[in-house]
Amino acid sequence: MVDSMTSSTVLSSPTALMGGSLYVNAIPPPDLNKNTSWFQYPGVWTSYILLLLLGWLLVLSILGCSAGTAWSIVNLSHFAITYWAFHWKKGTPFAEDQGMYNKLTWWEQMDNGRQLTRNRKFLMVVPVVLYLISCHTTDYRNPWLVLNTIAVSVMVIAKFPNMHKVRIFGINADYPT
């Protein structure tokens, strides 16, 4: 005879009914930097792409411009926002790190500074794809071609592994006071 408590527990457990877990097992990333750890979780890449598409739809509908012009505006906006947030702004908004990341940009903090990780490759491919879409849809016309080329060049060069912790001409460098 089966114990009533055991059988009700087994039958009400989703794990027992399905033979596995019904939930995504999101393991915390090895780095405990709250500023960058959110990019490790599932769905972030999809959300990133969906935000870009939503931005394109908003620009297209609000400004009433052509699709190519809207893609160029999204590309240049993406460049300005991500360059500032990933490659210019230093430190973290959290006090728990005791100033450990004060001299590092978000890009330098990501993945504990390891180069050529999946996240870094994804963030390097996104500006290139935006560039190709925006240039193709504007039929490679000036001034969009020049502006998009400058934007993608700056973004890709800033993401090279050789540029890790490099400040060109001392721009955005930390000088002793």
N, C-alpha and C. Protein backbone atom coordinates (compact mmCIF):
# COMPACT_ATOMS: atom_id res chain seq x y z
N MET A 1 0.84 -1.18 0.00
CA MET A 1 0.00 0.00 0.00
C MET A 1 0.89 1.24 0.00
N VAL A 2 0.53 2.22 -0.82
CA VAL A 2 1.32 3.45 -0.97
C VAL A 2 0.90 4.46 0.07
N ASP A 3 1.85 5.10 0.66
CA ASP A 3 1.58 6.14 1.65
C ASP A 3 0.86 7.30 0.97
N SER A 4 -0.22 7.81 1.55
CA SER A 4 -1.01 8.87 0.93
C SER A 4 -0.22 10.16 0.79
N MET A 5 0.63 10.48 1.73
CA MET A 5 1.42 11.71 1.65
C MET A 5 2.43 11.64 0.52
N THR A 6 3.04 10.49 0.33
CA THR A 6 4.04 10.33 -0.71
C THR A 6 3.39 10.41 -2.09
N SER A 7 2.25 9.75 -2.29
CA SER A 7 1.61 9.76 -3.60
C SER A 7 1.10 11.15 -3.98
N SER A 8 0.57 11.91 -3.02
CA SER A 8 0.10 13.25 -3.36
C SER A 8 1.27 14.17 -3.67
N THR A 9 2.38 13.97 -2.99
CA THR A 9 3.57 14.79 -3.26
C THR A 9 4.11 14.48 -4.65
N VAL A 10 4.16 13.21 -4.99
CA VAL A 10 4.70 12.81 -6.28
C VAL A 10 3.79 13.30 -7.41
N LEU A 11 2.48 13.19 -7.26
CA LEU A 11 1.56 13.58 -8.32
C LEU A 11 1.47 15.09 -8.49
N SER A 12 1.67 15.85 -7.43
CA SER A 12 1.55 17.29 -7.55
C SER A 12 2.86 17.95 -7.98
N SER A 13 3.92 17.21 -8.01
CA SER A 13 5.21 17.77 -8.38
C SER A 13 5.33 17.82 -9.90
N PRO A 14 5.56 19.01 -10.50
CA PRO A 14 5.71 19.09 -11.96
C PRO A 14 6.92 18.32 -12.44
N THR A 15 7.95 18.25 -11.64
CA THR A 15 9.15 17.52 -12.02
C THR A 15 8.85 16.04 -12.17
N ALA A 16 8.05 15.51 -11.26
CA ALA A 16 7.72 14.09 -11.31
C ALA A 16 6.80 13.78 -12.49
N LEU A 17 5.89 14.69 -12.81
CA LEU A 17 4.95 14.45 -13.91
C LEU A 17 5.62 14.54 -15.27
N MET A 18 6.53 15.49 -15.44
CA MET A 18 7.12 15.73 -16.75
C MET A 18 8.46 15.01 -16.94
N GLY A 19 9.04 14.55 -15.88
CA GLY A 19 10.32 13.87 -16.00
C GLY A 19 11.48 14.85 -16.03
N GLY A 20 11.25 16.11 -15.80
CA GLY A 20 12.31 17.11 -15.79
C GLY A 20 11.77 18.42 -15.27
N SER A 21 12.59 19.42 -15.28
CA SER A 21 12.19 20.73 -14.78
C SER A 21 11.44 21.51 -15.84
N LEU A 22 10.45 22.27 -15.42
CA LEU A 22 9.68 23.10 -16.35
C LEU A 22 10.28 24.50 -16.49
N TYR A 23 11.29 24.80 -15.74
CA TYR A 23 11.84 26.15 -15.70
C TYR A 23 13.26 26.17 -16.24
N VAL A 24 13.63 27.32 -16.79
CA VAL A 24 15.00 27.50 -17.26
C VAL A 24 15.91 27.60 -16.05
N ASN A 25 16.99 26.88 -16.09
CA ASN A 25 17.95 26.93 -15.00
C ASN A 25 18.97 28.01 -15.32
N ALA A 26 18.73 29.21 -14.86
CA ALA A 26 19.64 30.33 -15.11
C ALA A 26 20.70 30.34 -14.02
N ILE A 27 21.85 29.83 -14.36
CA ILE A 27 22.96 29.78 -13.40
C ILE A 27 23.62 31.14 -13.36
N PRO A 28 23.85 31.67 -12.18
CA PRO A 28 24.51 32.98 -12.10
C PRO A 28 25.87 32.94 -12.79
N PRO A 29 26.24 34.01 -13.45
CA PRO A 29 27.53 34.03 -14.14
C PRO A 29 28.68 33.98 -13.15
N PRO A 30 29.86 33.54 -13.62
CA PRO A 30 30.99 33.44 -12.72
C PRO A 30 31.46 34.79 -12.18
N ASP A 31 31.29 35.85 -12.96
CA ASP A 31 31.66 37.15 -12.42
C ASP A 31 30.48 37.71 -11.64
N LEU A 32 30.77 38.34 -10.56
CA LEU A 32 29.72 38.86 -9.70
C LEU A 32 29.52 40.36 -9.90
N ASN A 33 30.00 40.89 -11.01
CA ASN A 33 29.84 42.29 -11.33
C ASN A 33 28.40 42.52 -11.78
N LYS A 34 27.62 43.18 -10.96
CA LYS A 34 26.20 43.41 -11.28
C LYS A 34 26.03 44.29 -12.51
N ASN A 35 27.04 45.08 -12.81
CA ASN A 35 26.97 45.99 -13.95
C ASN A 35 26.94 45.23 -15.27
N THR A 36 27.58 44.08 -15.34
CA THR A 36 27.66 43.35 -16.60
C THR A 36 27.03 41.96 -16.57
N SER A 37 26.73 41.44 -15.39
CA SER A 37 26.25 40.06 -15.30
C SER A 37 24.88 39.86 -15.97
N TRP A 38 24.08 40.91 -16.08
CA TRP A 38 22.75 40.78 -16.68
C TRP A 38 22.84 40.35 -18.14
N PHE A 39 23.96 40.63 -18.80
CA PHE A 39 24.10 40.29 -20.22
C PHE A 39 24.34 38.80 -20.43
N GLN A 40 24.56 38.05 -19.35
CA GLN A 40 24.81 36.61 -19.44
C GLN A 40 23.53 35.78 -19.52
N TYR A 41 22.41 36.36 -19.16
CA TYR A 41 21.19 35.57 -19.02
C TYR A 41 20.48 35.33 -20.35
N PRO A 42 19.68 34.24 -20.42
CA PRO A 42 18.98 33.91 -21.66
C PRO A 42 17.97 35.00 -22.03
N GLY A 43 17.84 35.23 -23.30
CA GLY A 43 16.86 36.19 -23.78
C GLY A 43 17.38 37.59 -23.97
N VAL A 44 18.58 37.88 -23.51
CA VAL A 44 19.12 39.24 -23.63
C VAL A 44 19.40 39.57 -25.09
N TRP A 45 19.98 38.64 -25.82
CA TRP A 45 20.27 38.90 -27.23
C TRP A 45 18.98 39.14 -28.01
N THR A 46 17.97 38.33 -27.75
CA THR A 46 16.69 38.49 -28.44
C THR A 46 16.06 39.84 -28.09
N SER A 47 16.11 40.21 -26.83
CA SER A 47 15.58 41.51 -26.41
C SER A 47 16.33 42.65 -27.07
N TYR A 48 17.63 42.52 -27.20
CA TYR A 48 18.47 43.54 -27.83
C TYR A 48 18.04 43.75 -29.29
N ILE A 49 17.88 42.65 -30.02
CA ILE A 49 17.45 42.72 -31.42
C ILE A 49 16.04 43.30 -31.52
N LEU A 50 15.14 42.87 -30.64
CA LEU A 50 13.77 43.38 -30.66
C LEU A 50 13.72 44.88 -30.36
N LEU A 51 14.58 45.36 -29.47
CA LEU A 51 14.66 46.80 -29.20
C LEU A 51 15.11 47.58 -30.43
N LEU A 52 16.06 47.02 -31.17
CA LEU A 52 16.50 47.68 -32.41
C LEU A 52 15.37 47.73 -33.44
N LEU A 53 14.65 46.62 -33.58
CA LEU A 53 13.52 46.60 -34.52
C LEU A 53 12.41 47.55 -34.08
N LEU A 54 12.15 47.61 -32.79
CA LEU A 54 11.15 48.55 -32.26
C LEU A 54 11.60 49.99 -32.52
N GLY A 55 12.88 50.26 -32.33
CA GLY A 55 13.41 51.59 -32.61
C GLY A 55 13.23 51.96 -34.07
N TRP A 56 13.48 50.99 -34.96
CA TRP A 56 13.30 51.24 -36.39
C TRP A 56 11.84 51.54 -36.71
N LEU A 57 10.93 50.76 -36.13
CA LEU A 57 9.50 51.00 -36.36
C LEU A 57 9.06 52.37 -35.83
N LEU A 58 9.58 52.75 -34.67
CA LEU A 58 9.24 54.07 -34.11
C LEU A 58 9.76 55.20 -34.99
N VAL A 59 11.01 55.10 -35.43
CA VAL A 59 11.57 56.14 -36.30
C VAL A 59 10.79 56.19 -37.60
N LEU A 60 10.49 55.04 -38.16
CA LEU A 60 9.75 54.97 -39.42
C LEU A 60 8.36 55.59 -39.29
N SER A 61 7.67 55.31 -38.21
CA SER A 61 6.31 55.81 -38.06
C SER A 61 6.25 57.26 -37.58
N ILE A 62 7.14 57.66 -36.69
CA ILE A 62 7.09 59.03 -36.16
C ILE A 62 7.62 60.04 -37.18
N LEU A 63 8.76 59.73 -37.79
CA LEU A 63 9.36 60.68 -38.73
C LEU A 63 8.77 60.57 -40.13
N GLY A 64 8.17 59.44 -40.46
CA GLY A 64 7.58 59.27 -41.78
C GLY A 64 8.61 59.27 -42.90
N CYS A 65 9.81 58.81 -42.61
CA CYS A 65 10.88 58.81 -43.61
C CYS A 65 10.93 57.46 -44.32
N SER A 66 11.86 57.33 -45.26
CA SER A 66 12.01 56.07 -45.97
C SER A 66 12.61 55.02 -45.04
N ALA A 67 12.50 53.76 -45.44
CA ALA A 67 13.03 52.67 -44.62
C ALA A 67 14.54 52.78 -44.46
N GLY A 68 15.23 53.18 -45.52
CA GLY A 68 16.69 53.33 -45.46
C GLY A 68 17.12 54.43 -44.52
N THR A 69 16.42 55.55 -44.58
CA THR A 69 16.74 56.66 -43.68
C THR A 69 16.47 56.25 -42.23
N ALA A 70 15.38 55.51 -42.01
CA ALA A 70 15.07 55.05 -40.66
C ALA A 70 16.15 54.10 -40.15
N TRP A 71 16.64 53.18 -41.01
CA TRP A 71 17.71 52.28 -40.58
C TRP A 71 18.98 53.06 -40.27
N SER A 72 19.27 54.08 -41.07
CA SER A 72 20.47 54.89 -40.80
C SER A 72 20.35 55.65 -39.49
N ILE A 73 19.17 56.17 -39.20
CA ILE A 73 18.96 56.88 -37.93
C ILE A 73 19.10 55.90 -36.76
N VAL A 74 18.55 54.70 -36.91
CA VAL A 74 18.69 53.68 -35.86
C VAL A 74 20.16 53.30 -35.69
N ASN A 75 20.87 53.13 -36.80
CA ASN A 75 22.29 52.77 -36.73
C ASN A 75 23.09 53.86 -36.03
N LEU A 76 22.87 55.11 -36.40
CA LEU A 76 23.62 56.21 -35.79
C LEU A 76 23.22 56.42 -34.33
N SER A 77 21.96 56.21 -34.01
CA SER A 77 21.52 56.30 -32.61
C SER A 77 22.13 55.17 -31.79
N HIS A 78 22.12 53.98 -32.35
CA HIS A 78 22.74 52.82 -31.69
C HIS A 78 24.22 53.10 -31.45
N PHE A 79 24.88 53.67 -32.44
CA PHE A 79 26.29 54.03 -32.29
C PHE A 79 26.49 55.00 -31.13
N ALA A 80 25.73 56.07 -31.11
CA ALA A 80 25.91 57.10 -30.07
C ALA A 80 25.62 56.54 -28.67
N ILE A 81 24.54 55.81 -28.55
CA ILE A 81 24.15 55.29 -27.23
C ILE A 81 25.12 54.22 -26.75
N THR A 82 25.44 53.26 -27.60
CA THR A 82 26.31 52.17 -27.15
C THR A 82 27.75 52.63 -26.99
N TYR A 83 28.20 53.57 -27.80
CA TYR A 83 29.57 54.06 -27.60
C TYR A 83 29.68 54.74 -26.25
N TRP A 84 28.69 55.56 -25.93
CA TRP A 84 28.72 56.24 -24.62
C TRP A 84 28.61 55.23 -23.48
N ALA A 85 27.64 54.32 -23.58
CA ALA A 85 27.38 53.39 -22.47
C ALA A 85 28.43 52.29 -22.34
N PHE A 86 28.94 51.79 -23.46
CA PHE A 86 29.86 50.65 -23.41
C PHE A 86 31.33 51.07 -23.38
N HIS A 87 31.68 52.15 -24.07
CA HIS A 87 33.09 52.47 -24.27
C HIS A 87 33.54 53.79 -23.66
N TRP A 88 32.64 54.58 -23.14
CA TRP A 88 33.02 55.88 -22.58
C TRP A 88 32.80 55.95 -21.08
N LYS A 89 31.61 55.64 -20.64
CA LYS A 89 31.27 55.74 -19.22
C LYS A 89 32.01 54.67 -18.42
N LYS A 90 32.62 55.09 -17.32
CA LYS A 90 33.40 54.17 -16.49
C LYS A 90 32.72 53.91 -15.16
N GLY A 91 33.11 52.79 -14.54
CA GLY A 91 32.60 52.47 -13.21
C GLY A 91 31.30 51.70 -13.26
N THR A 92 30.70 51.56 -12.07
CA THR A 92 29.41 50.88 -11.95
C THR A 92 28.49 51.73 -11.08
N PRO A 93 27.19 51.55 -11.21
CA PRO A 93 26.27 52.30 -10.33
C PRO A 93 26.11 51.66 -8.96
N PHE A 94 26.82 50.58 -8.70
CA PHE A 94 26.68 49.85 -7.44
C PHE A 94 27.86 50.13 -6.53
N ALA A 95 27.57 50.30 -5.26
CA ALA A 95 28.63 50.63 -4.29
C ALA A 95 29.32 49.39 -3.74
N GLU A 96 28.74 48.21 -3.94
CA GLU A 96 29.30 47.00 -3.33
C GLU A 96 30.67 46.63 -3.87
N ASP A 97 31.02 47.12 -5.04
CA ASP A 97 32.30 46.70 -5.62
C ASP A 97 33.50 47.47 -5.06
N GLN A 98 33.25 48.41 -4.16
CA GLN A 98 34.30 49.15 -3.47
C GLN A 98 35.23 49.90 -4.43
N GLY A 99 34.71 50.36 -5.55
CA GLY A 99 35.52 51.12 -6.50
C GLY A 99 36.43 50.27 -7.37
N MET A 100 36.20 48.97 -7.36
CA MET A 100 37.05 48.04 -8.10
C MET A 100 37.02 48.29 -9.62
N TYR A 101 35.88 48.78 -10.13
CA TYR A 101 35.71 48.96 -11.57
C TYR A 101 35.70 50.44 -11.97
N ASN A 102 36.12 51.32 -11.11
CA ASN A 102 36.01 52.75 -11.38
C ASN A 102 36.78 53.21 -12.61
N LYS A 103 37.86 52.54 -12.96
CA LYS A 103 38.67 52.96 -14.11
C LYS A 103 38.38 52.13 -15.36
N LEU A 104 37.36 51.28 -15.30
CA LEU A 104 37.04 50.42 -16.44
C LEU A 104 35.69 50.79 -17.04
N THR A 105 35.62 50.74 -18.37
CA THR A 105 34.35 50.95 -19.06
C THR A 105 33.53 49.66 -18.96
N TRP A 106 32.27 49.74 -19.38
CA TRP A 106 31.40 48.56 -19.34
C TRP A 106 31.99 47.45 -20.21
N TRP A 107 32.51 47.81 -21.37
CA TRP A 107 33.09 46.82 -22.28
C TRP A 107 34.28 46.13 -21.64
N GLU A 108 35.09 46.87 -20.91
CA GLU A 108 36.27 46.28 -20.25
C GLU A 108 35.87 45.42 -19.06
N GLN A 109 34.74 45.70 -18.45
CA GLN A 109 34.26 44.91 -17.31
C GLN A 109 33.58 43.62 -17.76
N MET A 110 33.02 43.61 -18.96
CA MET A 110 32.21 42.49 -19.42
C MET A 110 33.03 41.20 -19.49
N ASP A 111 32.44 40.12 -19.02
CA ASP A 111 33.06 38.79 -19.03
C ASP A 111 34.42 38.78 -18.33
N ASN A 112 34.54 39.59 -17.28
CA ASN A 112 35.79 39.71 -16.51
C ASN A 112 36.99 40.07 -17.37
N GLY A 113 36.75 40.79 -18.46
CA GLY A 113 37.83 41.22 -19.33
C GLY A 113 38.29 40.16 -20.33
N ARG A 114 37.69 38.98 -20.32
CA ARG A 114 38.07 37.95 -21.30
C ARG A 114 37.68 38.41 -22.69
N GLN A 115 38.53 38.16 -23.65
CA GLN A 115 38.30 38.61 -25.02
C GLN A 115 37.64 37.52 -25.85
N LEU A 116 36.96 37.94 -26.90
CA LEU A 116 36.35 37.07 -27.90
C LEU A 116 35.39 36.03 -27.30
N THR A 117 34.63 36.45 -26.32
CA THR A 117 33.58 35.59 -25.77
C THR A 117 32.36 35.69 -26.68
N ARG A 118 31.36 34.85 -26.44
CA ARG A 118 30.15 34.88 -27.27
C ARG A 118 29.45 36.23 -27.20
N ASN A 119 29.37 36.81 -26.00
CA ASN A 119 28.70 38.10 -25.86
C ASN A 119 29.45 39.20 -26.60
N ARG A 120 30.76 39.19 -26.52
CA ARG A 120 31.55 40.21 -27.22
C ARG A 120 31.42 40.06 -28.74
N LYS A 121 31.41 38.83 -29.21
CA LYS A 121 31.23 38.60 -30.65
C LYS A 121 29.86 39.08 -31.10
N PHE A 122 28.83 38.78 -30.31
CA PHE A 122 27.49 39.25 -30.64
C PHE A 122 27.45 40.77 -30.73
N LEU A 123 28.04 41.44 -29.74
CA LEU A 123 28.03 42.90 -29.72
C LEU A 123 28.93 43.51 -30.79
N MET A 124 29.82 42.72 -31.37
CA MET A 124 30.62 43.20 -32.48
C MET A 124 29.88 43.00 -33.81
N VAL A 125 29.09 41.95 -33.89
CA VAL A 125 28.36 41.65 -35.12
C VAL A 125 27.17 42.61 -35.31
N VAL A 126 26.52 43.01 -34.24
CA VAL A 126 25.32 43.85 -34.33
C VAL A 126 25.59 45.15 -35.10
N PRO A 127 26.65 45.94 -34.79
CA PRO A 127 26.87 47.16 -35.56
C PRO A 127 27.19 46.89 -37.03
N VAL A 128 27.86 45.78 -37.31
CA VAL A 128 28.19 45.44 -38.70
C VAL A 128 26.91 45.12 -39.47
N VAL A 129 26.02 44.35 -38.87
CA VAL A 129 24.75 44.01 -39.53
C VAL A 129 23.90 45.27 -39.71
N LEU A 130 23.85 46.12 -38.69
CA LEU A 130 23.12 47.39 -38.83
C LEU A 130 23.70 48.23 -39.95
N TYR A 131 25.02 48.25 -40.06
CA TYR A 131 25.70 48.99 -41.13
C TYR A 131 25.30 48.45 -42.50
N LEU A 132 25.35 47.13 -42.65
CA LEU A 132 25.00 46.54 -43.94
C LEU A 132 23.54 46.82 -44.31
N ILE A 133 22.65 46.69 -43.34
CA ILE A 133 21.23 46.96 -43.60
C ILE A 133 21.02 48.43 -43.97
N SER A 134 21.61 49.33 -43.18
CA SER A 134 21.38 50.76 -43.42
C SER A 134 22.01 51.22 -44.73
N CYS A 135 23.18 50.71 -45.07
CA CYS A 135 23.80 51.11 -46.35
C CYS A 135 23.04 50.55 -47.54
N HIS A 136 22.61 49.30 -47.44
CA HIS A 136 21.89 48.69 -48.55
C HIS A 136 20.53 49.37 -48.77
N THR A 137 19.83 49.67 -47.70
CA THR A 137 18.50 50.26 -47.86
C THR A 137 18.54 51.73 -48.25
N THR A 138 19.68 52.40 -48.08
CA THR A 138 19.81 53.78 -48.56
C THR A 138 20.48 53.82 -49.93
N ASP A 139 20.68 52.67 -50.54
CA ASP A 139 21.30 52.55 -51.87
C ASP A 139 22.69 53.18 -51.91
N TYR A 140 23.41 53.11 -50.80
CA TYR A 140 24.80 53.58 -50.70
C TYR A 140 24.95 55.04 -51.09
N ARG A 141 23.96 55.85 -50.73
CA ARG A 141 23.97 57.28 -51.05
C ARG A 141 24.65 58.07 -49.94
N ASN A 142 25.25 59.19 -50.36
CA ASN A 142 25.79 60.15 -49.39
C ASN A 142 24.63 60.96 -48.86
N PRO A 143 24.65 61.47 -47.69
CA PRO A 143 25.69 61.41 -46.65
C PRO A 143 25.57 60.18 -45.77
N TRP A 144 24.51 59.35 -45.99
CA TRP A 144 24.28 58.20 -45.11
C TRP A 144 25.43 57.21 -45.16
N LEU A 145 25.98 56.98 -46.33
CA LEU A 145 27.08 56.02 -46.46
C LEU A 145 28.28 56.46 -45.62
N VAL A 146 28.63 57.74 -45.71
CA VAL A 146 29.79 58.25 -44.96
C VAL A 146 29.53 58.18 -43.46
N LEU A 147 28.36 58.63 -43.02
CA LEU A 147 28.04 58.62 -41.59
C LEU A 147 27.99 57.19 -41.03
N ASN A 148 27.36 56.29 -41.77
CA ASN A 148 27.28 54.90 -41.31
C ASN A 148 28.65 54.22 -41.29
N THR A 149 29.50 54.56 -42.27
CA THR A 149 30.85 53.98 -42.31
C THR A 149 31.69 54.47 -41.14
N ILE A 150 31.61 55.75 -40.84
CA ILE A 150 32.34 56.28 -39.68
C ILE A 150 31.85 55.61 -38.40
N ALA A 151 30.54 55.49 -38.26
CA ALA A 151 29.98 54.89 -37.04
C ALA A 151 30.43 53.44 -36.87
N VAL A 152 30.34 52.64 -37.92
CA VAL A 152 30.72 51.23 -37.78
C VAL A 152 32.22 51.09 -37.58
N SER A 153 33.01 51.95 -38.20
CA SER A 153 34.46 51.88 -38.02
C SER A 153 34.84 52.16 -36.57
N VAL A 154 34.29 53.20 -36.00
CA VAL A 154 34.59 53.54 -34.61
C VAL A 154 34.13 52.42 -33.68
N MET A 155 32.93 51.90 -33.91
CA MET A 155 32.40 50.86 -33.03
C MET A 155 33.22 49.57 -33.09
N VAL A 156 33.59 49.15 -34.29
CA VAL A 156 34.32 47.89 -34.42
C VAL A 156 35.75 48.04 -33.89
N ILE A 157 36.39 49.16 -34.20
CA ILE A 157 37.76 49.37 -33.69
C ILE A 157 37.76 49.43 -32.17
N ALA A 158 36.76 50.06 -31.58
CA ALA A 158 36.69 50.14 -30.11
C ALA A 158 36.51 48.77 -29.47
N LYS A 159 36.00 47.80 -30.22
CA LYS A 159 35.74 46.47 -29.67
C LYS A 159 36.88 45.48 -29.91
N PHE A 160 37.90 45.86 -30.66
CA PHE A 160 39.02 44.95 -30.92
C PHE A 160 39.70 44.55 -29.61
N PRO A 161 40.15 43.30 -29.51
CA PRO A 161 40.87 42.87 -28.30
C PRO A 161 42.13 43.71 -28.03
N ASN A 162 42.78 44.18 -29.08
CA ASN A 162 43.99 44.99 -28.89
C ASN A 162 43.69 46.36 -28.30
N MET A 163 42.44 46.77 -28.32
CA MET A 163 42.06 48.08 -27.78
C MET A 163 41.61 48.01 -26.32
N HIS A 164 41.76 46.84 -25.70
CA HIS A 164 41.35 46.67 -24.30
C HIS A 164 42.18 47.57 -23.40
N LYS A 165 41.52 48.47 -22.69
CA LYS A 165 42.12 49.44 -21.77
C LYS A 165 43.03 50.46 -22.47
N VAL A 166 42.87 50.62 -23.77
CA VAL A 166 43.66 51.60 -24.53
C VAL A 166 42.86 52.89 -24.64
N ARG A 167 43.49 54.01 -24.38
CA ARG A 167 42.87 55.33 -24.51
C ARG A 167 43.65 56.08 -25.59
N ILE A 168 43.04 56.22 -26.77
CA ILE A 168 43.71 56.88 -27.89
C ILE A 168 43.89 58.36 -27.58
N PHE A 169 45.10 58.86 -27.75
CA PHE A 169 45.47 60.26 -27.47
C PHE A 169 45.13 60.66 -26.04
N GLY A 170 44.99 59.71 -25.15
CA GLY A 170 44.68 60.02 -23.76
C GLY A 170 43.24 60.43 -23.52
N ILE A 171 42.39 60.30 -24.55
CA ILE A 171 40.98 60.67 -24.40
C ILE A 171 40.32 59.71 -23.43
N ASN A 172 39.62 60.23 -22.45
CA ASN A 172 38.92 59.46 -21.43
C ASN A 172 39.88 58.69 -20.52
N ALA A 173 41.12 59.15 -20.46
CA ALA A 173 42.11 58.49 -19.59
C ALA A 173 42.00 59.03 -18.17
N ASP A 174 42.44 58.23 -17.24
CA ASP A 174 42.47 58.65 -15.83
C ASP A 174 43.86 59.16 -15.53
N TYR A 175 43.95 60.44 -15.29
CA TYR A 175 45.23 61.02 -14.94
C TYR A 175 45.31 61.21 -13.44
N PRO A 176 46.49 61.02 -12.86
CA PRO A 176 46.61 61.25 -11.42
C PRO A 176 46.35 62.71 -11.09
N THR A 177 45.63 62.94 -10.02
CA THR A 177 45.32 64.32 -9.64
C THR A 177 46.14 64.77 -8.47
